[in-house]
Amino acid sequence: MSLPDPVKSQAIRLRGRLAVCGMAAALALVSACTVRPLYSNQPLSPGSQLSASAELASISIKPVNTRYAQQVRNNLI
């Protein structure tokens, strides 16, 4: 029986540490994500006083004049 190669075991340990750090970073990023219903009574942003439906109702889009703009609009609808 031979002893394990110390260089190889250090590389394996380093790879394991990097994997754990990567998973911790990914978990921290994912935990910051929040999902809120679009049509709720709560405000979309924390400082806002308007509800989500009121903010969405305030959006207005100007009519288009060119054929290209009409095609883009029709593809989006």
PDB file of N, CA and C in Angstrom:
ATOM      1  N   MET A   1       0.836  -1.174   0.000  1.00  0.00           N
ATOM      2  CA  MET A   1       0.000   0.000   0.000  1.00  0.00           C
ATOM      3  C   MET A   1       0.879   1.236   0.000  1.00  0.00           C
ATOM      4  N   SER A   2       0.458   2.198  -0.747  1.00  0.00           N
ATOM      5  CA  SER A   2       1.239   3.420  -0.825  1.00  0.00           C
ATOM      6  C   SER A   2       0.440   4.587  -0.247  1.00  0.00           C
ATOM      7  N   LEU A   3       1.131   5.607   0.133  1.00  0.00           N
ATOM      8  CA  LEU A   3       0.487   6.794   0.672  1.00  0.00           C
ATOM      9  C   LEU A   3      -0.076   7.630  -0.478  1.00  0.00           C
ATOM     10  N   PRO A   4      -1.142   8.367  -0.228  1.00  0.00           N
ATOM     11  CA  PRO A   4      -1.700   9.204  -1.295  1.00  0.00           C
ATOM     12  C   PRO A   4      -0.743  10.326  -1.662  1.00  0.00           C
ATOM     13  N   ASP A   5      -0.818  10.741  -2.895  1.00  0.00           N
ATOM     14  CA  ASP A   5       0.024  11.821  -3.386  1.00  0.00           C
ATOM     15  C   ASP A   5      -0.440  13.138  -2.753  1.00  0.00           C
ATOM     16  N   PRO A   6       0.423  13.858  -2.010  1.00  0.00           N
ATOM     17  CA  PRO A   6      -0.016  15.069  -1.318  1.00  0.00           C
ATOM     18  C   PRO A   6      -0.439  16.185  -2.276  1.00  0.00           C
ATOM     19  N   VAL A   7       0.173  16.281  -3.433  1.00  0.00           N
ATOM     20  CA  VAL A   7      -0.195  17.331  -4.389  1.00  0.00           C
ATOM     21  C   VAL A   7      -1.597  17.080  -4.919  1.00  0.00           C
ATOM     22  N   LYS A   8      -1.901  15.827  -5.205  1.00  0.00           N
ATOM     23  CA  LYS A   8      -3.204  15.484  -5.736  1.00  0.00           C
ATOM     24  C   LYS A   8      -4.289  15.721  -4.683  1.00  0.00           C
ATOM     25  N   SER A   9      -4.033  15.365  -3.449  1.00  0.00           N
ATOM     26  CA  SER A   9      -5.039  15.548  -2.411  1.00  0.00           C
ATOM     27  C   SER A   9      -5.273  17.036  -2.136  1.00  0.00           C
ATOM     28  N   GLN A  10      -4.235  17.867  -2.264  1.00  0.00           N
ATOM     29  CA  GLN A  10      -4.421  19.304  -2.086  1.00  0.00           C
ATOM     30  C   GLN A  10      -5.280  19.875  -3.212  1.00  0.00           C
ATOM     31  N   ALA A  11      -5.071  19.381  -4.415  1.00  0.00           N
ATOM     32  CA  ALA A  11      -5.870  19.845  -5.547  1.00  0.00           C
ATOM     33  C   ALA A  11      -7.332  19.445  -5.363  1.00  0.00           C
ATOM     34  N   ILE A  12      -7.555  18.251  -4.863  1.00  0.00           N
ATOM     35  CA  ILE A  12      -8.924  17.795  -4.633  1.00  0.00           C
ATOM     36  C   ILE A  12      -9.577  18.632  -3.538  1.00  0.00           C
ATOM     37  N   ARG A  13      -8.826  18.923  -2.475  1.00  0.00           N
ATOM     38  CA  ARG A  13      -9.346  19.755  -1.395  1.00  0.00           C
ATOM     39  C   ARG A  13      -9.680  21.163  -1.895  1.00  0.00           C
ATOM     40  N   LEU A  14      -8.802  21.711  -2.717  1.00  0.00           N
ATOM     41  CA  LEU A  14      -9.032  23.047  -3.264  1.00  0.00           C
ATOM     42  C   LEU A  14     -10.272  23.060  -4.151  1.00  0.00           C
ATOM     43  N   ARG A  15     -10.428  22.034  -4.965  1.00  0.00           N
ATOM     44  CA  ARG A  15     -11.591  21.935  -5.837  1.00  0.00           C
ATOM     45  C   ARG A  15     -12.874  21.831  -5.007  1.00  0.00           C
ATOM     46  N   GLY A  16     -12.818  21.082  -3.930  1.00  0.00           N
ATOM     47  CA  GLY A  16     -13.977  20.962  -3.050  1.00  0.00           C
ATOM     48  C   GLY A  16     -14.327  22.286  -2.394  1.00  0.00           C
ATOM     49  N   ARG A  17     -13.308  23.019  -1.952  1.00  0.00           N
ATOM     50  CA  ARG A  17     -13.552  24.326  -1.334  1.00  0.00           C
ATOM     51  C   ARG A  17     -14.150  25.302  -2.341  1.00  0.00           C
ATOM     52  N   LEU A  18     -13.640  25.276  -3.562  1.00  0.00           N
ATOM     53  CA  LEU A  18     -14.186  26.155  -4.598  1.00  0.00           C
ATOM     54  C   LEU A  18     -15.642  25.804  -4.907  1.00  0.00           C
ATOM     55  N   ALA A  19     -15.948  24.513  -4.915  1.00  0.00           N
ATOM     56  CA  ALA A  19     -17.322  24.090  -5.173  1.00  0.00           C
ATOM     57  C   ALA A  19     -18.252  24.570  -4.063  1.00  0.00           C
ATOM     58  N   VAL A  20     -17.808  24.454  -2.821  1.00  0.00           N
ATOM     59  CA  VAL A  20     -18.630  24.905  -1.695  1.00  0.00           C
ATOM     60  C   VAL A  20     -18.820  26.420  -1.749  1.00  0.00           C
ATOM     61  N   CYS A  21     -17.754  27.159  -2.044  1.00  0.00           N
ATOM     62  CA  CYS A  21     -17.859  28.622  -2.148  1.00  0.00           C
ATOM     63  C   CYS A  21     -18.777  29.019  -3.303  1.00  0.00           C
ATOM     64  N   GLY A  22     -18.675  28.318  -4.416  1.00  0.00           N
ATOM     65  CA  GLY A  22     -19.545  28.602  -5.557  1.00  0.00           C
ATOM     66  C   GLY A  22     -21.005  28.336  -5.237  1.00  0.00           C
ATOM     67  N   MET A  23     -21.271  27.246  -4.545  1.00  0.00           N
ATOM     68  CA  MET A  23     -22.647  26.942  -4.160  1.00  0.00           C
ATOM     69  C   MET A  23     -23.182  27.979  -3.175  1.00  0.00           C
ATOM     70  N   ALA A  24     -22.337  28.434  -2.246  1.00  0.00           N
ATOM     71  CA  ALA A  24     -22.759  29.456  -1.285  1.00  0.00           C
ATOM     72  C   ALA A  24     -23.063  30.770  -2.003  1.00  0.00           C
ATOM     73  N   ALA A  25     -22.237  31.135  -2.975  1.00  0.00           N
ATOM     74  CA  ALA A  25     -22.474  32.367  -3.736  1.00  0.00           C
ATOM     75  C   ALA A  25     -23.759  32.252  -4.556  1.00  0.00           C
ATOM     76  N   ALA A  26     -23.974  31.102  -5.184  1.00  0.00           N
ATOM     77  CA  ALA A  26     -25.191  30.902  -5.967  1.00  0.00           C
ATOM     78  C   ALA A  26     -26.425  30.947  -5.074  1.00  0.00           C
ATOM     79  N   LEU A  27     -26.334  30.359  -3.904  1.00  0.00           N
ATOM     80  CA  LEU A  27     -27.451  30.383  -2.965  1.00  0.00           C
ATOM     81  C   LEU A  27     -27.750  31.805  -2.504  1.00  0.00           C
ATOM     82  N   ALA A  28     -26.715  32.592  -2.269  1.00  0.00           N
ATOM     83  CA  ALA A  28     -26.910  33.986  -1.854  1.00  0.00           C
ATOM     84  C   ALA A  28     -27.583  34.793  -2.965  1.00  0.00           C
ATOM     85  N   LEU A  29     -27.194  34.561  -4.209  1.00  0.00           N
ATOM     86  CA  LEU A  29     -27.804  35.284  -5.329  1.00  0.00           C
ATOM     87  C   LEU A  29     -29.263  34.890  -5.528  1.00  0.00           C
ATOM     88  N   VAL A  30     -29.535  33.607  -5.435  1.00  0.00           N
ATOM     89  CA  VAL A  30     -30.897  33.129  -5.657  1.00  0.00           C
ATOM     90  C   VAL A  30     -31.816  33.553  -4.517  1.00  0.00           C
ATOM     91  N   SER A  31     -31.301  33.610  -3.308  1.00  0.00           N
ATOM     92  CA  SER A  31     -32.153  33.984  -2.178  1.00  0.00           C
ATOM     93  C   SER A  31     -32.570  35.446  -2.245  1.00  0.00           C
ATOM     94  N   ALA A  32     -31.860  36.265  -3.005  1.00  0.00           N
ATOM     95  CA  ALA A  32     -32.213  37.678  -3.126  1.00  0.00           C
ATOM     96  C   ALA A  32     -33.357  37.896  -4.109  1.00  0.00           C
ATOM     97  N   CYS A  33     -33.677  36.908  -4.916  1.00  0.00           N
ATOM     98  CA  CYS A  33     -34.753  37.040  -5.895  1.00  0.00           C
ATOM     99  C   CYS A  33     -36.108  36.911  -5.203  1.00  0.00           C
ATOM    100  N   THR A  34     -37.039  37.754  -5.584  1.00  0.00           N
ATOM    101  CA  THR A  34     -38.399  37.652  -5.065  1.00  0.00           C
ATOM    102  C   THR A  34     -39.363  37.648  -6.235  1.00  0.00           C
ATOM    103  N   VAL A  35     -40.440  36.946  -6.064  1.00  0.00           N
ATOM    104  CA  VAL A  35     -41.468  36.879  -7.094  1.00  0.00           C
ATOM    105  C   VAL A  35     -42.741  37.450  -6.491  1.00  0.00           C
ATOM    106  N   ARG A  36     -43.318  38.421  -7.171  1.00  0.00           N
ATOM    107  CA  ARG A  36     -44.566  39.027  -6.718  1.00  0.00           C
ATOM    108  C   ARG A  36     -45.582  38.938  -7.843  1.00  0.00           C
ATOM    109  N   PRO A  37     -46.840  38.741  -7.502  1.00  0.00           N
ATOM    110  CA  PRO A  37     -47.869  38.735  -8.538  1.00  0.00           C
ATOM    111  C   PRO A  37     -47.969  40.107  -9.197  1.00  0.00           C
ATOM    112  N   LEU A  38     -48.123  40.121 -10.495  1.00  0.00           N
ATOM    113  CA  LEU A  38     -48.175  41.383 -11.225  1.00  0.00           C
ATOM    114  C   LEU A  38     -49.451  42.153 -10.912  1.00  0.00           C
ATOM    115  N   TYR A  39     -50.558  41.460 -10.801  1.00  0.00           N
ATOM    116  CA  TYR A  39     -51.840  42.121 -10.545  1.00  0.00           C
ATOM    117  C   TYR A  39     -52.223  41.944  -9.081  1.00  0.00           C
ATOM    118  N   SER A  40     -51.475  42.558  -8.196  1.00  0.00           N
ATOM    119  CA  SER A  40     -51.770  42.497  -6.763  1.00  0.00           C
ATOM    120  C   SER A  40     -52.067  43.901  -6.257  1.00  0.00           C
ATOM    121  N   ASN A  41     -52.486  43.996  -5.023  1.00  0.00           N
ATOM    122  CA  ASN A  41     -52.780  45.297  -4.428  1.00  0.00           C
ATOM    123  C   ASN A  41     -51.558  45.917  -3.777  1.00  0.00           C
ATOM    124  N   GLN A  42     -50.474  45.174  -3.668  1.00  0.00           N
ATOM    125  CA  GLN A  42     -49.258  45.692  -3.052  1.00  0.00           C
ATOM    126  C   GLN A  42     -48.473  46.499  -4.080  1.00  0.00           C
ATOM    127  N   PRO A  43     -47.708  47.506  -3.625  1.00  0.00           N
ATOM    128  CA  PRO A  43     -46.899  48.294  -4.567  1.00  0.00           C
ATOM    129  C   PRO A  43     -45.783  47.457  -5.190  1.00  0.00           C
ATOM    130  N   LEU A  44     -45.398  47.813  -6.417  1.00  0.00           N
ATOM    131  CA  LEU A  44     -44.336  47.084  -7.107  1.00  0.00           C
ATOM    132  C   LEU A  44     -42.976  47.352  -6.487  1.00  0.00           C
ATOM    133  N   SER A  45     -42.730  48.593  -6.100  1.00  0.00           N
ATOM    134  CA  SER A  45     -41.455  48.939  -5.476  1.00  0.00           C
ATOM    135  C   SER A  45     -41.706  49.309  -4.016  1.00  0.00           C
ATOM    136  N   PRO A  46     -40.730  49.075  -3.139  1.00  0.00           N
ATOM    137  CA  PRO A  46     -40.942  49.301  -1.709  1.00  0.00           C
ATOM    138  C   PRO A  46     -41.324  50.734  -1.338  1.00  0.00           C
ATOM    139  N   GLY A  47     -40.812  51.743  -2.020  1.00  0.00           N
ATOM    140  CA  GLY A  47     -41.102  53.125  -1.660  1.00  0.00           C
ATOM    141  C   GLY A  47     -42.352  53.693  -2.302  1.00  0.00           C
ATOM    142  N   SER A  48     -42.971  52.959  -3.191  1.00  0.00           N
ATOM    143  CA  SER A  48     -44.111  53.466  -3.948  1.00  0.00           C
ATOM    144  C   SER A  48     -45.396  53.387  -3.126  1.00  0.00           C
ATOM    145  N   GLN A  49     -46.295  54.337  -3.360  1.00  0.00           N
ATOM    146  CA  GLN A  49     -47.594  54.348  -2.685  1.00  0.00           C
ATOM    147  C   GLN A  49     -48.695  53.773  -3.582  1.00  0.00           C
ATOM    148  N   LEU A  50     -48.426  53.699  -4.892  1.00  0.00           N
ATOM    149  CA  LEU A  50     -49.423  53.197  -5.835  1.00  0.00           C
ATOM    150  C   LEU A  50     -49.403  51.678  -5.880  1.00  0.00           C
ATOM    151  N   SER A  51     -50.567  51.086  -6.096  1.00  0.00           N
ATOM    152  CA  SER A  51     -50.619  49.639  -6.255  1.00  0.00           C
ATOM    153  C   SER A  51     -50.104  49.263  -7.646  1.00  0.00           C
ATOM    154  N   ALA A  52     -49.877  47.991  -7.837  1.00  0.00           N
ATOM    155  CA  ALA A  52     -49.341  47.523  -9.117  1.00  0.00           C
ATOM    156  C   ALA A  52     -50.310  47.825 -10.254  1.00  0.00           C
ATOM    157  N   SER A  53     -51.600  47.621 -10.021  1.00  0.00           N
ATOM    158  CA  SER A  53     -52.572  47.881 -11.092  1.00  0.00           C
ATOM    159  C   SER A  53     -52.633  49.369 -11.437  1.00  0.00           C
ATOM    160  N   ALA A  54     -52.473  50.252 -10.448  1.00  0.00           N
ATOM    161  CA  ALA A  54     -52.478  51.694 -10.721  1.00  0.00           C
ATOM    162  C   ALA A  54     -51.234  52.096 -11.502  1.00  0.00           C
ATOM    163  N   GLU A  55     -50.098  51.516 -11.166  1.00  0.00           N
ATOM    164  CA  GLU A  55     -48.868  51.833 -11.903  1.00  0.00           C
ATOM    165  C   GLU A  55     -48.954  51.335 -13.338  1.00  0.00           C
ATOM    166  N   LEU A  56     -49.520  50.141 -13.535  1.00  0.00           N
ATOM    167  CA  LEU A  56     -49.653  49.614 -14.893  1.00  0.00           C
ATOM    168  C   LEU A  56     -50.667  50.420 -15.701  1.00  0.00           C
ATOM    169  N   ALA A  57     -51.708  50.923 -15.050  1.00  0.00           N
ATOM    170  CA  ALA A  57     -52.715  51.720 -15.753  1.00  0.00           C
ATOM    171  C   ALA A  57     -52.160  53.071 -16.183  1.00  0.00           C
ATOM    172  N   SER A  58     -51.113  53.542 -15.526  1.00  0.00           N
ATOM    173  CA  SER A  58     -50.552  54.851 -15.865  1.00  0.00           C
ATOM    174  C   SER A  58     -49.640  54.806 -17.090  1.00  0.00           C
ATOM    175  N   ILE A  59     -49.362  53.634 -17.615  1.00  0.00           N
ATOM    176  CA  ILE A  59     -48.494  53.506 -18.789  1.00  0.00           C
ATOM    177  C   ILE A  59     -49.286  53.866 -20.041  1.00  0.00           C
ATOM    178  N   SER A  60     -48.739  54.752 -20.848  1.00  0.00           N
ATOM    179  CA  SER A  60     -49.387  55.107 -22.111  1.00  0.00           C
ATOM    180  C   SER A  60     -48.370  54.989 -23.242  1.00  0.00           C
ATOM    181  N   ILE A  61     -48.864  54.566 -24.386  1.00  0.00           N
ATOM    182  CA  ILE A  61     -48.006  54.380 -25.557  1.00  0.00           C
ATOM    183  C   ILE A  61     -48.568  55.231 -26.686  1.00  0.00           C
ATOM    184  N   LYS A  62     -47.702  56.004 -27.310  1.00  0.00           N
ATOM    185  CA  LYS A  62     -48.127  56.874 -28.407  1.00  0.00           C
ATOM    186  C   LYS A  62     -48.466  56.031 -29.632  1.00  0.00           C
ATOM    187  N   PRO A  63     -49.426  56.484 -30.449  1.00  0.00           N
ATOM    188  CA  PRO A  63     -49.745  55.776 -31.682  1.00  0.00           C
ATOM    189  C   PRO A  63     -48.553  55.806 -32.647  1.00  0.00           C
ATOM    190  N   VAL A  64     -48.453  54.772 -33.448  1.00  0.00           N
ATOM    191  CA  VAL A  64     -47.333  54.670 -34.380  1.00  0.00           C
ATOM    192  C   VAL A  64     -47.741  55.214 -35.743  1.00  0.00           C
ATOM    193  N   ASN A  65     -46.745  55.687 -36.507  1.00  0.00           N
ATOM    194  CA  ASN A  65     -47.029  56.302 -37.806  1.00  0.00           C
ATOM    195  C   ASN A  65     -46.452  55.528 -38.978  1.00  0.00           C
ATOM    196  N   THR A  66     -45.426  54.741 -38.768  1.00  0.00           N
ATOM    197  CA  THR A  66     -44.767  54.061 -39.884  1.00  0.00           C
ATOM    198  C   THR A  66     -45.219  52.609 -39.973  1.00  0.00           C
ATOM    199  N   ARG A  67     -45.046  52.037 -41.147  1.00  0.00           N
ATOM    200  CA  ARG A  67     -45.419  50.640 -41.368  1.00  0.00           C
ATOM    201  C   ARG A  67     -44.551  49.710 -40.524  1.00  0.00           C
ATOM    202  N   TYR A  68     -43.265  50.028 -40.434  1.00  0.00           N
ATOM    203  CA  TYR A  68     -42.359  49.198 -39.639  1.00  0.00           C
ATOM    204  C   TYR A  68     -42.790  49.184 -38.167  1.00  0.00           C
ATOM    205  N   ALA A  69     -43.160  50.337 -37.636  1.00  0.00           N
ATOM    206  CA  ALA A  69     -43.608  50.424 -36.246  1.00  0.00           C
ATOM    207  C   ALA A  69     -44.905  49.645 -36.049  1.00  0.00           C
ATOM    208  N   GLN A  70     -45.778  49.650 -37.059  1.00  0.00           N
ATOM    209  CA  GLN A  70     -47.016  48.874 -36.973  1.00  0.00           C
ATOM    210  C   GLN A  70     -46.718  47.380 -36.920  1.00  0.00           C
ATOM    211  N   GLN A  71     -45.755  46.937 -37.722  1.00  0.00           N
ATOM    212  CA  GLN A  71     -45.399  45.524 -37.720  1.00  0.00           C
ATOM    213  C   GLN A  71     -44.795  45.107 -36.380  1.00  0.00           C
ATOM    214  N   VAL A  72     -43.951  45.956 -35.824  1.00  0.00           N
ATOM    215  CA  VAL A  72     -43.372  45.657 -34.508  1.00  0.00           C
ATOM    216  C   VAL A  72     -44.478  45.574 -33.468  1.00  0.00           C
ATOM    217  N   ARG A  73     -45.392  46.536 -33.496  1.00  0.00           N
ATOM    218  CA  ARG A  73     -46.500  46.547 -32.543  1.00  0.00           C
ATOM    219  C   ARG A  73     -47.349  45.294 -32.691  1.00  0.00           C
ATOM    220  N   ASN A  74     -47.669  44.913 -33.913  1.00  0.00           N
ATOM    221  CA  ASN A  74     -48.496  43.730 -34.147  1.00  0.00           C
ATOM    222  C   ASN A  74     -47.794  42.454 -33.695  1.00  0.00           C
ATOM    223  N   ASN A  75     -46.486  42.392 -33.848  1.00  0.00           N
ATOM    224  CA  ASN A  75     -45.760  41.208 -33.388  1.00  0.00           C
ATOM    225  C   ASN A  75     -45.697  41.138 -31.869  1.00  0.00           C
ATOM    226  N   LEU A  76     -45.710  42.287 -31.212  1.00  0.00           N
ATOM    227  CA  LEU A  76     -45.672  42.306 -29.751  1.00  0.00           C
ATOM    228  C   LEU A  76     -47.020  41.957 -29.133  1.00  0.00           C
ATOM    229  N   ILE A  77     -48.087  42.251 -29.853  1.00  0.00           N
ATOM    230  CA  ILE A  77     -49.436  41.988 -29.302  1.00  0.00           C
ATOM    231  C   ILE A  77     -49.755  40.546 -29.349  1.00  0.00           C
TER     232      ILE A  77
END
